[in-house]
Protein backbone atom coordinates (compact mmCIF):
# COMPACT_ATOMS: atom_id res chain seq x y z
CA MET A 1 -70.95 9.46 44.17
CA SER A 2 -67.92 7.47 45.54
CA GLY A 3 -69.91 5.43 48.02
CA ARG A 4 -67.89 6.91 50.87
CA PHE A 5 -69.76 8.61 53.67
CA ARG A 6 -68.82 10.20 56.90
CA THR A 7 -71.09 10.93 59.84
CA ARG A 8 -71.23 13.98 62.03
CA PRO A 9 -73.67 15.67 64.40
CA GLU A 10 -76.51 17.49 62.66
CA THR A 11 -76.29 21.27 62.63
CA ALA A 12 -79.21 23.74 62.32
CA ALA A 13 -78.21 24.35 58.67
CA ASP A 14 -78.78 20.59 57.93
CA ALA A 15 -82.50 20.72 58.88
CA PRO A 16 -83.83 21.43 55.26
CA ALA A 17 -81.67 18.55 53.83
CA VAL A 18 -82.64 16.24 56.64
CA ARG A 19 -86.29 16.91 55.88
CA ARG A 20 -85.71 16.11 52.26
CA VAL A 21 -83.98 12.83 53.14
CA LEU A 22 -86.87 11.91 55.51
CA GLN A 23 -89.51 12.79 52.93
CA ALA A 24 -87.78 10.72 50.29
CA ALA A 25 -87.28 7.76 52.66
CA PHE A 26 -90.81 7.50 54.04
CA PRO A 27 -94.18 7.37 52.28
CA THR A 28 -95.60 10.38 54.19
CA ALA A 29 -94.28 13.60 55.71
CA GLY A 30 -95.09 12.18 59.20
CA GLU A 31 -91.50 11.30 60.08
CA ALA A 32 -90.15 14.65 58.92
CA ASP A 33 -92.88 16.47 60.89
CA LEU A 34 -92.04 14.39 63.96
CA VAL A 35 -88.28 15.25 63.76
CA ASP A 36 -89.17 18.94 63.31
CA ALA A 37 -91.41 18.82 66.42
CA LEU A 38 -88.74 16.88 68.44
CA ARG A 39 -86.18 19.61 67.66
CA ARG A 40 -88.52 22.22 69.24
CA ASP A 41 -89.02 20.09 72.37
CA PRO A 42 -87.07 21.10 75.50
CA ALA A 43 -85.88 17.52 75.93
CA TRP A 44 -84.17 17.52 72.53
CA LEU A 45 -80.58 16.10 72.70
CA PRO A 46 -78.79 17.48 69.67
CA GLY A 47 -75.76 15.17 70.05
CA LEU A 48 -78.07 12.25 69.25
CA SER A 49 -78.99 13.60 65.87
CA VAL A 50 -76.50 12.55 63.17
CA VAL A 51 -76.18 13.06 59.42
CA ALA A 52 -74.27 10.97 56.91
CA VAL A 53 -72.64 13.14 54.23
CA ASP A 54 -71.17 12.24 50.90
CA ALA A 55 -67.77 13.38 49.64
CA GLY A 56 -69.26 16.65 48.48
CA GLY A 57 -70.71 17.29 51.91
CA ARG A 58 -74.33 16.65 50.86
CA VAL A 59 -76.60 15.01 53.43
CA ALA A 60 -77.47 11.51 52.29
CA GLY A 61 -78.64 9.85 55.47
CA TYR A 62 -79.93 10.60 58.94
CA ALA A 63 -80.08 8.84 62.35
CA LEU A 64 -81.78 10.17 65.47
CA MET A 65 -82.07 8.69 68.97
CA ALA A 66 -84.49 10.27 71.41
CA LEU A 67 -85.81 9.38 74.83
CA VAL A 68 -89.58 9.25 74.93
CA LEU A 69 -91.77 8.53 77.95
CA GLY A 70 -93.19 5.01 77.97
CA GLY A 71 -96.57 4.00 79.42
CA GLY A 72 -95.21 3.93 82.92
CA GLY A 73 -93.58 7.36 82.60
CA ASP A 74 -90.09 5.92 82.27
CA PRO A 75 -87.73 7.12 79.46
CA VAL A 76 -87.56 4.72 76.64
CA PRO A 77 -84.99 5.00 73.85
CA SER A 78 -86.54 5.41 70.37
CA GLY A 79 -85.12 6.44 67.03
CA VAL A 80 -85.33 7.12 63.34
CA ILE A 81 -82.80 5.99 60.62
CA ALA A 82 -83.42 7.19 57.05
CA TYR A 83 -81.65 7.35 53.78
CA ALA A 84 -82.97 8.06 50.36
CA ALA A 85 -82.14 5.34 47.91
CA PRO A 86 -79.79 5.24 46.15
CA PHE A 87 -78.05 7.01 49.00
CA GLY A 88 -78.89 10.62 48.00
CA VAL A 89 -81.70 12.99 47.45
């Protein structure tokens, strides 16, 4: 791998690769399950879900920003950033 990555918005076709990155980056499937659930939520903002791809187009990292309701009912930014060391799954 050249070490060069580019970022782009996530597409529906990226979902399985994103799940693999999340499962490799975290000790449980909880984060991957959360992202899957967020995608199904009507409040999902697809433009805030970004993948990092290597020179071959393979998903090697993932970043997500989402608005969640805080304790007072106000939207609060939240997010997930994940990559599978050493930058690939």
